[in-house]
Protein backbone atom coordinates (compact mmCIF):
# COMPACT_ATOMS: atom_id res chain seq x y z
CA UNK A 1 43.72 -6.14 25.31
CA UNK A 2 43.07 -10.12 26.96
CA UNK A 3 39.71 -11.47 27.41
CA UNK A 4 39.31 -10.44 31.15
CA UNK A 5 40.34 -6.57 30.36
CA UNK A 6 37.60 -7.03 27.45
CA UNK A 7 35.00 -8.12 30.27
CA UNK A 8 36.46 -5.45 32.80
CA UNK A 9 35.32 -2.60 30.08
CA UNK A 10 32.41 -4.38 28.57
CA UNK A 11 30.52 -4.51 32.21
CA UNK A 12 30.11 -0.84 32.52
CA UNK A 13 27.84 1.13 31.34
CA UNK A 14 28.96 3.58 28.78
CA UNK A 15 26.05 5.77 28.41
CA UNK A 16 24.91 9.13 30.16
CA UNK A 17 23.66 8.70 33.81
CA UNK A 18 20.76 11.09 33.95
CA UNK A 19 19.08 10.56 37.52
CA UNK A 20 19.45 7.03 37.89
CA UNK A 21 18.72 6.23 34.36
CA UNK A 22 20.92 5.20 31.39
CA UNK A 23 20.00 7.26 28.30
CA UNK A 24 21.87 7.51 25.17
CA UNK A 25 22.61 11.68 24.66
CA UNK A 26 20.39 14.31 22.66
CA UNK A 27 22.57 14.16 20.26
CA UNK A 28 23.20 10.59 19.76
CA UNK A 29 27.14 11.17 19.76
CA UNK A 30 30.34 9.39 21.56
CA UNK A 31 33.88 9.61 21.79
CA UNK A 32 36.69 7.15 21.78
CA UNK A 33 38.20 6.23 25.23
CA UNK A 34 42.28 5.47 24.41
CA UNK A 35 44.16 3.25 26.43
CA UNK A 36 47.44 5.41 27.22
CA UNK A 37 50.26 2.43 27.11
CA UNK A 38 49.06 1.20 23.73
CA UNK A 39 47.41 4.28 22.23
CA UNK A 40 44.47 1.68 21.28
CA UNK A 41 40.61 2.40 21.70
CA UNK A 42 38.91 0.78 24.44
CA UNK A 43 35.81 2.01 23.82
CA UNK A 44 33.26 4.40 23.00
CA UNK A 45 31.09 6.58 25.63
CA UNK A 46 28.43 8.63 25.18
CA UNK A 47 29.28 12.32 24.73
CA UNK A 48 26.89 15.14 26.64
CA UNK A 49 25.63 18.32 25.47
CA UNK A 50 24.18 20.96 26.55
CA UNK A 51 20.62 19.22 26.07
CA UNK A 52 21.44 16.58 28.28
CA UNK A 53 22.96 18.89 30.93
CA UNK A 54 20.22 20.94 31.51
CA UNK A 55 18.01 17.73 31.61
CA UNK A 56 19.87 16.49 34.60
CA UNK A 57 19.99 19.91 36.32
CA UNK A 58 16.27 19.75 35.73
CA UNK A 59 16.34 16.44 37.61
CA UNK A 60 18.60 17.46 40.04
CA UNK A 61 16.51 20.14 41.26
CA UNK A 62 13.36 18.67 41.39
CA UNK A 63 14.56 15.74 43.52
CA UNK A 64 16.42 18.17 45.98
CA UNK A 65 13.69 18.50 48.27
CA UNK A 66 12.60 15.21 49.21
CA UNK A 67 16.29 14.02 49.12
CA UNK A 68 17.49 16.74 51.40
CA UNK A 69 14.46 15.06 53.95
CA UNK A 70 15.87 11.89 54.03
CA UNK A 71 17.31 10.35 57.29
CA UNK A 72 21.18 11.06 57.98
CA UNK A 73 21.03 7.50 58.65
CA UNK A 74 19.82 6.18 55.67
CA UNK A 75 22.25 8.32 53.36
CA UNK A 76 24.89 7.16 55.62
CA UNK A 77 23.97 3.70 55.19
CA UNK A 78 23.61 4.11 51.63
CA UNK A 79 27.74 5.46 51.39
CA UNK A 80 28.55 2.31 53.37
CA UNK A 81 26.94 -0.23 51.36
CA UNK A 82 28.59 1.38 48.55
CA UNK A 83 31.81 1.55 50.29
CA UNK A 84 31.60 -2.48 50.48
CA UNK A 85 31.05 -2.76 46.78
CA UNK A 86 33.99 -0.99 46.09
CA UNK A 87 36.38 -2.93 48.03
CA UNK A 88 34.47 -6.52 46.73
CA UNK A 89 35.40 -5.40 43.22
CA UNK A 90 38.75 -3.72 43.95
CA UNK A 91 40.39 -5.41 41.20
CA UNK A 92 37.96 -4.91 38.42
CA UNK A 93 37.82 -1.48 39.15
CA UNK A 94 41.86 -1.20 39.41
CA UNK A 95 42.12 -3.06 36.26
CA UNK A 96 39.27 -0.53 34.69
CA UNK A 97 41.26 2.67 36.07
CA UNK A 98 44.76 1.14 34.68
CA UNK A 99 43.50 0.63 31.47
CA UNK A 100 42.11 3.89 31.11
CA UNK A 101 44.59 6.15 32.62
CA UNK A 102 47.66 4.06 32.73
CA UNK A 103 48.73 3.83 36.32
CA UNK A 104 50.57 0.36 37.26
CA UNK A 105 47.58 -1.94 38.82
CA UNK A 106 49.38 -2.24 42.31
CA UNK A 107 48.42 1.49 42.46
CA UNK A 108 45.53 1.49 40.75
CA UNK A 109 44.18 -0.90 43.66
CA UNK A 110 45.67 1.36 46.35
CA UNK A 111 43.17 4.31 45.00
CA UNK A 112 40.34 1.98 44.84
CA UNK A 113 40.81 1.66 48.97
CA UNK A 114 41.42 4.92 49.29
CA UNK A 115 38.27 5.85 47.20
CA UNK A 116 36.06 3.60 49.03
CA UNK A 117 37.62 5.51 52.40
CA UNK A 118 36.15 8.61 51.61
CA UNK A 119 32.70 6.80 51.44
CA UNK A 120 33.50 4.98 54.76
CA UNK A 121 34.22 8.26 56.74
CA UNK A 122 31.09 10.33 55.25
CA UNK A 123 28.85 7.79 56.09
CA UNK A 124 30.11 8.41 59.62
CA UNK A 125 29.95 12.02 59.30
CA UNK A 126 26.38 11.89 57.77
CA UNK A 127 24.75 11.44 61.72
CA UNK A 128 27.19 13.89 62.87
CA UNK A 129 25.87 17.31 61.56
CA UNK A 130 25.35 19.42 64.19
CA UNK A 131 23.54 22.81 64.72
CA UNK A 132 23.29 24.66 67.88
CA UNK A 133 21.14 26.57 70.64
CA UNK A 134 22.40 29.12 72.98
CA UNK A 135 20.98 32.27 74.60
CA UNK A 136 21.69 35.70 73.35
CA UNK A 137 23.88 37.79 75.35
CA UNK A 138 21.08 40.17 76.51
CA UNK A 139 19.64 37.30 77.51
CA UNK A 140 16.55 38.24 75.54
CA UNK A 141 16.39 35.53 72.75
CA UNK A 142 17.42 32.13 71.76
CA UNK A 143 19.84 31.49 69.08
CA UNK A 144 18.88 28.14 67.13
CA UNK A 145 21.66 27.26 64.45
CA UNK A 146 20.37 24.73 61.83
CA UNK A 147 22.65 22.92 59.32
CA UNK A 148 21.20 22.41 55.80
CA UNK A 149 22.18 21.11 52.43
CA UNK A 150 23.26 23.57 50.15
CA UNK A 151 21.15 22.28 47.06
CA UNK A 152 22.48 21.23 44.12
CA UNK A 153 25.94 20.45 43.29
CA UNK A 154 28.22 20.81 40.26
CA UNK A 155 31.13 18.38 41.06
CA UNK A 156 34.12 18.37 38.49
CA UNK A 157 36.63 15.68 38.61
CA UNK A 158 40.26 15.00 36.97
CA UNK A 159 41.72 12.25 35.19
CA UNK A 160 44.55 11.52 37.31
CA UNK A 161 42.36 9.78 40.39
CA UNK A 162 39.45 9.15 38.29
CA UNK A 163 37.86 7.30 41.27
CA UNK A 164 38.98 8.93 44.50
CA UNK A 165 38.43 12.25 43.41
CA UNK A 166 34.77 11.34 42.36
CA UNK A 167 34.14 9.73 46.09
CA UNK A 168 36.04 12.66 47.98
CA UNK A 169 32.93 14.91 45.87
CA UNK A 170 30.34 12.49 46.35
CA UNK A 171 30.53 11.15 49.68
CA UNK A 172 29.99 14.35 51.41
CA UNK A 173 27.50 15.74 48.92
CA UNK A 174 25.27 12.57 49.89
CA UNK A 175 25.78 12.66 53.45
CA UNK A 176 24.93 16.40 53.48
CA UNK A 177 21.63 15.93 51.28
CA UNK A 178 22.56 17.25 48.06
CA UNK A 179 21.64 16.28 44.77
CA UNK A 180 24.66 16.43 42.27
CA UNK A 181 25.85 16.26 38.39
CA UNK A 182 29.17 15.04 37.63
CA UNK A 183 31.14 15.92 35.18
CA UNK A 184 34.02 13.34 34.66
CA UNK A 185 37.45 14.07 32.97
CA UNK A 186 36.99 12.90 28.97
CA UNK A 187 40.17 10.71 29.06
CA UNK A 188 38.94 8.68 32.07
CA UNK A 189 35.05 8.44 32.08
CA UNK A 190 34.73 4.91 32.61
CA UNK A 191 35.76 4.85 36.39
CA UNK A 192 32.87 7.61 36.97
CA UNK A 193 30.52 5.72 35.24
CA UNK A 194 31.51 2.07 37.13
CA UNK A 195 30.85 4.25 40.27
CA UNK A 196 27.30 5.06 39.17
CA UNK A 197 26.85 1.63 38.61
CA UNK A 198 27.78 1.21 41.93
CA UNK A 199 25.56 4.15 43.80
CA UNK A 200 22.77 2.51 42.37
CA UNK A 201 23.32 -0.94 43.66
CA UNK A 202 24.11 0.51 47.15
CA UNK A 203 20.31 2.21 46.92
CA UNK A 204 20.59 5.76 45.73
CA UNK A 205 17.61 6.87 44.98
CA UNK A 206 16.70 8.33 41.30
CA UNK A 207 17.47 11.76 40.63
CA UNK A 208 20.55 12.39 43.19
CA UNK A 209 22.99 11.81 40.86
CA UNK A 210 23.83 12.45 37.24
CA UNK A 211 27.01 11.71 35.36
CA UNK A 212 27.98 13.53 31.90
CA UNK A 213 31.28 12.38 30.08
CA UNK A 214 31.62 15.04 27.65
CA UNK A 215 34.02 16.27 25.13
CA UNK A 216 32.54 19.58 25.02
CA UNK A 217 33.39 20.78 29.27
CA UNK A 218 32.78 24.65 28.54
CA UNK A 219 29.50 23.66 27.04
CA UNK A 220 27.67 21.89 29.59
CA UNK A 221 29.56 23.78 32.65
CA UNK A 222 28.55 27.54 31.98
CA UNK A 223 25.21 26.70 31.33
CA UNK A 224 24.72 24.97 34.46
CA UNK A 225 26.95 27.15 36.74
CA UNK A 226 25.13 30.51 35.31
CA UNK A 227 21.39 29.00 35.31
CA UNK A 228 20.70 29.89 38.86
CA UNK A 229 19.80 26.52 40.31
CA UNK A 230 22.97 24.98 41.19
CA UNK A 231 24.22 26.56 44.65
CA UNK A 232 27.64 24.62 44.90
CA UNK A 233 31.09 23.78 42.24
CA UNK A 234 33.68 21.36 43.45
CA UNK A 235 36.02 21.63 40.95
CA UNK A 236 39.55 19.67 41.12
CA UNK A 237 41.88 20.56 38.34
CA UNK A 238 44.15 22.92 37.09
CA UNK A 239 44.33 26.67 38.56
CA UNK A 240 43.76 28.10 34.74
CA UNK A 241 40.28 26.22 34.69
CA UNK A 242 39.75 27.10 38.03
CA UNK A 243 39.91 30.83 37.26
CA UNK A 244 37.39 30.49 34.52
CA UNK A 245 35.03 28.37 36.66
CA UNK A 246 34.94 31.06 39.23
CA UNK A 247 34.26 33.75 36.76
CA UNK A 248 31.44 31.54 35.53
CA UNK A 249 30.25 31.28 39.29
CA UNK A 250 30.46 34.77 40.23
CA UNK A 251 27.20 35.81 38.69
CA UNK A 252 24.82 33.76 40.77
CA UNK A 253 27.60 34.03 43.78
CA UNK A 254 27.44 30.06 43.81
CA UNK A 255 29.65 28.33 46.92
CA UNK A 256 32.78 27.17 45.44
CA UNK A 257 35.62 25.03 46.71
CA UNK A 258 38.52 24.52 44.26
CA UNK A 259 41.45 21.84 44.68
CA UNK A 260 43.74 23.50 41.83
CA UNK A 261 47.64 23.37 40.89
CA UNK A 262 50.90 22.48 43.16
CA UNK A 263 54.20 23.32 43.13
CA UNK A 264 55.15 21.32 46.16
CA UNK A 265 58.95 22.17 47.44
CA UNK A 266 60.52 19.06 49.35
CA UNK A 267 62.86 20.28 51.85
CA UNK A 268 65.66 17.87 52.83
CA UNK A 269 68.09 19.04 55.79
CA UNK A 270 71.75 18.16 56.21
CA UNK A 271 70.60 16.51 59.67
CA UNK A 272 68.05 14.81 58.14
CA UNK A 273 67.30 10.62 58.00
CA UNK A 274 68.51 10.35 54.57
CA UNK A 275 67.33 7.28 53.94
CA UNK A 276 63.64 7.99 54.89
CA UNK A 277 64.30 11.32 53.12
CA UNK A 278 65.04 9.23 49.90
CA UNK A 279 61.95 6.79 50.60
CA UNK A 280 59.57 9.75 51.09
CA UNK A 281 60.99 11.65 47.81
CA UNK A 282 60.01 8.38 46.12
CA UNK A 283 56.79 8.59 47.16
CA UNK A 284 56.17 12.37 46.90
CA UNK A 285 57.52 12.21 43.57
CA UNK A 286 56.53 9.35 42.02
CA UNK A 287 53.23 8.54 43.36
CA UNK A 288 50.79 8.08 40.54
CA UNK A 289 53.61 8.25 38.04
CA UNK A 290 54.35 11.83 38.98
CA UNK A 291 50.94 13.01 38.06
CA UNK A 292 49.42 14.34 40.68
CA UNK A 293 48.99 18.20 42.33
CA UNK A 294 50.92 16.99 45.72
CA UNK A 295 54.15 15.38 43.79
CA UNK A 296 57.20 16.60 44.86
CA UNK A 297 57.83 19.45 42.27
CA UNK A 298 61.13 21.31 43.71
CA UNK A 299 63.67 19.38 45.81
CA UNK A 300 65.56 21.28 47.96
CA UNK A 301 68.50 19.55 49.58
CA UNK A 302 70.96 21.06 51.85
CA UNK A 303 74.67 21.55 50.37
CA UNK A 304 76.28 18.82 53.07
CA UNK A 305 73.80 15.92 51.80
CA UNK A 306 72.99 17.15 48.39
CA UNK A 307 74.95 15.05 46.68
CA UNK A 308 74.43 12.06 48.36
CA UNK A 309 71.09 12.82 48.35
CA UNK A 310 70.96 12.92 44.71
CA UNK A 311 72.85 9.96 44.32
CA UNK A 312 70.88 7.20 46.05
CA UNK A 313 67.61 8.99 44.67
CA UNK A 314 68.69 8.42 41.38
CA UNK A 315 69.60 4.86 42.08
CA UNK A 316 66.33 4.30 43.21
CA UNK A 317 64.78 5.71 40.16
CA UNK A 318 66.50 4.12 37.90
CA UNK A 319 65.70 0.92 38.95
CA UNK A 320 62.10 1.52 38.42
CA UNK A 321 60.67 -0.97 35.54
CA UNK A 322 58.49 1.37 32.77
CA UNK A 323 55.75 -0.51 31.31
CA UNK A 324 52.11 -1.12 30.68
CA UNK A 325 50.60 -1.09 34.11
CA UNK A 326 48.88 -4.00 33.66
CA UNK A 327 52.29 -6.21 33.22
CA UNK A 328 53.89 -7.95 36.14
CA UNK A 329 56.65 -5.83 37.76
CA UNK A 330 55.79 -2.41 36.36
CA UNK A 331 56.62 0.43 38.54
CA UNK A 332 56.14 3.39 36.00
CA UNK A 333 52.91 3.53 33.57
CA UNK A 334 52.86 5.93 30.74
CA UNK A 335 51.34 9.46 30.81
CA UNK A 336 47.88 10.34 30.07
CA UNK A 337 48.53 11.48 26.40
CA UNK A 338 51.60 13.04 24.46
CA UNK A 339 50.80 16.48 24.85
CA UNK A 340 51.95 15.54 28.45
CA UNK A 341 54.63 14.03 27.52
CA UNK A 342 56.13 16.97 25.33
CA UNK A 343 55.22 18.93 28.33
CA UNK A 344 57.93 17.33 30.63
CA UNK A 345 60.52 16.95 27.83
CA UNK A 346 60.27 20.84 27.47
CA UNK A 347 61.01 21.38 31.25
CA UNK A 348 63.86 18.82 31.26
CA UNK A 349 65.59 20.67 28.13
CA UNK A 350 65.13 23.69 29.41
CA UNK A 351 66.44 22.92 32.86
CA UNK A 352 69.63 21.26 31.22
CA UNK A 353 70.28 23.74 28.48
CA UNK A 354 70.54 26.26 32.06
CA UNK A 355 73.17 23.86 33.61
CA UNK A 356 71.31 21.22 35.35
CA UNK A 357 72.80 17.78 34.95
CA UNK A 358 71.15 14.67 34.10
CA UNK A 359 71.73 11.68 36.72
CA UNK A 360 69.26 9.28 35.12
CA UNK A 361 66.30 8.87 32.52
CA UNK A 362 65.72 12.18 30.12
CA UNK A 363 63.81 11.62 27.70
CA UNK A 364 60.79 9.50 26.25
CA UNK A 365 60.58 5.53 27.23
CA UNK A 366 60.58 2.92 24.34
CA UNK A 367 56.92 1.52 23.02
CA UNK A 368 53.51 3.28 21.53
CA UNK A 369 52.44 4.60 24.33
CA UNK A 370 53.15 7.97 26.16
CA UNK A 371 56.18 6.82 28.42
CA UNK A 372 58.81 9.04 29.79
CA UNK A 373 61.83 7.78 31.59
CA UNK A 374 62.23 8.21 35.25
CA UNK A 375 64.57 11.27 35.79
CA UNK A 376 66.59 12.95 38.26
CA UNK A 377 68.11 15.99 37.61
CA UNK A 378 71.40 17.68 39.77
CA UNK A 379 72.26 21.02 40.30
CA UNK A 380 69.01 22.52 38.84
CA UNK A 381 69.48 26.32 39.06
CA UNK A 382 66.42 28.74 40.66
CA UNK A 383 65.75 29.95 37.06
CA UNK A 384 64.70 26.98 35.54
CA UNK A 385 61.10 26.94 34.07
CA UNK A 386 60.23 23.69 36.10
CA UNK A 387 61.02 25.58 39.24
CA UNK A 388 57.58 27.68 38.53
CA UNK A 389 55.49 25.06 36.51
CA UNK A 390 53.77 21.94 37.62
CA UNK A 391 55.78 18.79 36.37
CA UNK A 392 53.21 16.36 36.60
CA UNK A 393 55.55 13.67 35.51
CA UNK A 394 58.55 11.63 36.74
CA UNK A 395 61.19 13.96 36.80
CA UNK A 396 62.27 14.61 40.12
CA UNK A 397 65.06 18.18 40.27
CA UNK A 398 67.12 18.53 42.81
CA UNK A 399 68.22 22.06 43.81
CA UNK A 400 71.14 22.42 46.14
CA UNK A 401 70.57 25.10 49.00
CA UNK A 402 72.31 26.53 51.95
CA UNK A 403 70.58 28.43 54.82
CA UNK A 404 66.77 27.65 55.88
CA UNK A 405 66.13 31.42 55.30
CA UNK A 406 67.41 30.98 51.63
CA UNK A 407 65.09 27.83 51.50
CA UNK A 408 62.00 29.32 52.97
CA UNK A 409 62.11 31.84 50.71
CA UNK A 410 62.41 29.64 46.95
CA UNK A 411 59.78 27.54 48.66
CA UNK A 412 57.14 30.36 49.00
CA UNK A 413 58.32 32.09 45.76
CA UNK A 414 55.36 30.85 44.02
CA UNK A 415 51.44 31.41 43.67
CA UNK A 416 50.75 28.03 44.67
CA UNK A 417 50.35 26.80 48.19
CA UNK A 418 49.30 23.24 48.11
CA UNK A 419 51.74 21.04 49.97
CA UNK A 420 54.84 20.86 50.79
CA UNK A 421 57.33 18.47 52.39
CA UNK A 422 59.98 18.52 55.29
CA UNK A 423 62.77 16.46 56.26
CA UNK A 424 64.84 17.23 59.57
CA UNK A 425 65.68 15.85 62.61
CA UNK A 426 65.53 18.96 64.93
CA UNK A 427 61.93 19.69 66.73
CA UNK A 428 62.41 22.82 66.71
CA UNK A 429 63.68 23.71 63.18
CA UNK A 430 60.38 21.26 61.84
CA UNK A 431 58.08 23.62 64.14
CA UNK A 432 59.58 26.17 62.56
CA UNK A 433 59.57 25.91 58.81
CA UNK A 434 56.40 24.15 58.97
CA UNK A 435 54.88 27.37 60.31
CA UNK A 436 56.69 29.29 57.76
CA UNK A 437 55.69 27.27 54.83
CA UNK A 438 52.96 29.19 52.60
CA UNK A 439 50.91 26.01 52.14
CA UNK A 440 47.92 24.30 53.08
CA UNK A 441 49.34 21.13 53.89
CA UNK A 442 52.92 19.73 55.34
CA UNK A 443 54.32 16.10 55.47
CA UNK A 444 56.69 16.41 58.00
CA UNK A 445 59.34 13.69 57.59
CA UNK A 446 56.46 11.54 55.43
CA UNK A 447 55.65 11.60 51.64
CA UNK A 448 52.27 11.21 51.54
CA UNK A 449 49.74 13.63 53.63
CA UNK A 450 46.27 12.35 51.57
CA UNK A 451 44.23 10.71 54.17
CA UNK A 452 40.09 10.62 54.04
CA UNK A 453 39.97 11.66 57.81
CA UNK A 454 42.29 14.77 57.24
CA UNK A 455 41.10 18.33 55.69
CA UNK A 456 42.96 18.65 52.27
CA UNK A 457 43.21 21.65 50.77
CA UNK A 458 45.41 24.52 49.70
CA UNK A 459 46.12 28.72 50.03
CA UNK A 460 47.01 31.42 47.26
CA UNK A 461 46.22 30.09 44.10
CA UNK A 462 46.22 26.86 44.78
CA UNK A 463 42.50 26.57 45.78
CA UNK A 464 39.75 27.20 48.14
CA UNK A 465 38.16 25.12 51.08
CA UNK A 466 38.89 21.66 52.01
CA UNK A 467 37.98 18.39 51.04
CA UNK A 468 37.99 15.51 53.69
CA UNK A 469 38.12 15.63 57.62
CA UNK A 470 35.57 16.67 59.85
CA UNK A 471 35.33 19.86 57.85
CA UNK A 472 34.77 18.03 54.34
CA UNK A 473 31.05 18.01 55.03
CA UNK A 474 30.96 21.69 55.73
CA UNK A 475 31.86 22.56 51.95
CA UNK A 476 28.00 21.01 51.40
CA UNK A 477 26.07 22.65 53.95
CA UNK A 478 24.61 26.09 54.96
CA UNK A 479 24.08 27.24 58.36
CA UNK A 480 20.67 28.79 59.10
CA UNK A 481 20.26 31.29 62.26
CA UNK A 482 16.46 31.24 63.77
CA UNK A 483 16.06 34.09 66.45
CA UNK A 484 13.81 33.03 68.61
CA UNK A 485 12.47 35.73 71.24
CA UNK A 486 9.38 36.20 73.56
CA UNK A 487 10.74 33.37 75.84
């Protein structure tokens, strides 16, 4: 590691953040955080256990009444100051993220800016929490509708967007007046710990936020969710884990929002602008090394342009430079670990065994890290496992189709429904297909849909609720109805 990299890691407090104070875990345990591009240990981080989790819950429950009475403007100003600090320290925070997660530095810079926007957006929403007042239909009473904080929240974030997934949950929780316990992924705890420090500098009161890195997520989440004092769970991660958390939440009838797995179809019709479609496919496939729930997982190209589209996509993918994310001119970093890389290889092997052609890539990259070469597979049969499984890597499978009806059936033939992408110049087809696709979001002639000002979320097994946009804060608010008589 360079002197700068060492400095960036050293400036992060690596103990538990319990209600605004940095503390060693009750067990004294710690775990190693590795650089996935070198497999070398970056540092040791405190490892939270059940006793620490319950202490964090005691703190959150005690702080909730006073925090929810804090003026909305004050909560918004805290978020706005935190937005400024994130942007001011963008370079160091991006470097930290690249070290623990692997994405190229340019992408990490982009994530810090994206993460900061959630704080800016919800700083403005804090003062726009509205209820209502109306006359009953029979005219004999009045209806007063109040919006109040749901209460202490459990927030669970993944490793692939370690800063943005934190701010996307913390932002609306602060704006609504909720206390929080954040459990970051054990692979990437440093970004979350750095964020806790920034929020403290921004003036977040003690007791409002705790951050619990842990290698035993089940050991702390289940007791928290079954205790009865947590009133809201917000989770981003796999569908399998989401199902288990929903089961654990059912006993206390918790409010839940879930952003789960994806299997995004990317539809390119014969009449599409092919240059734009290839550009969009590169964005939708290769954002975050393909390790994104929104990544194009199944690329359907209509038969008239399938060969040319595959050729152009292969040229672009083959030109990408693989390497450590902090090196100059690197386009593609390592996958998070060897398990992830082996999964990608197994999916590629299955497709090839069923008749797919490897146009570029198709195997691991060189070096000690968890690298996998950008890959394009042509003529992938619908029976291939990667048509049903989230790839989470830099592999673009191209599947030819003939008709609109055929591709819609294939696109919707999945338990997932997060996002889809459509490229066509035909306005009627664009609207018709967008309406027919069973996903919570559609990118129409664009390869990126994520935006803090828009509601993010899926249908079917891709999740519950929405994050971002004007509705994002509603997930952290309850509506209370007061009936007023005798007027």
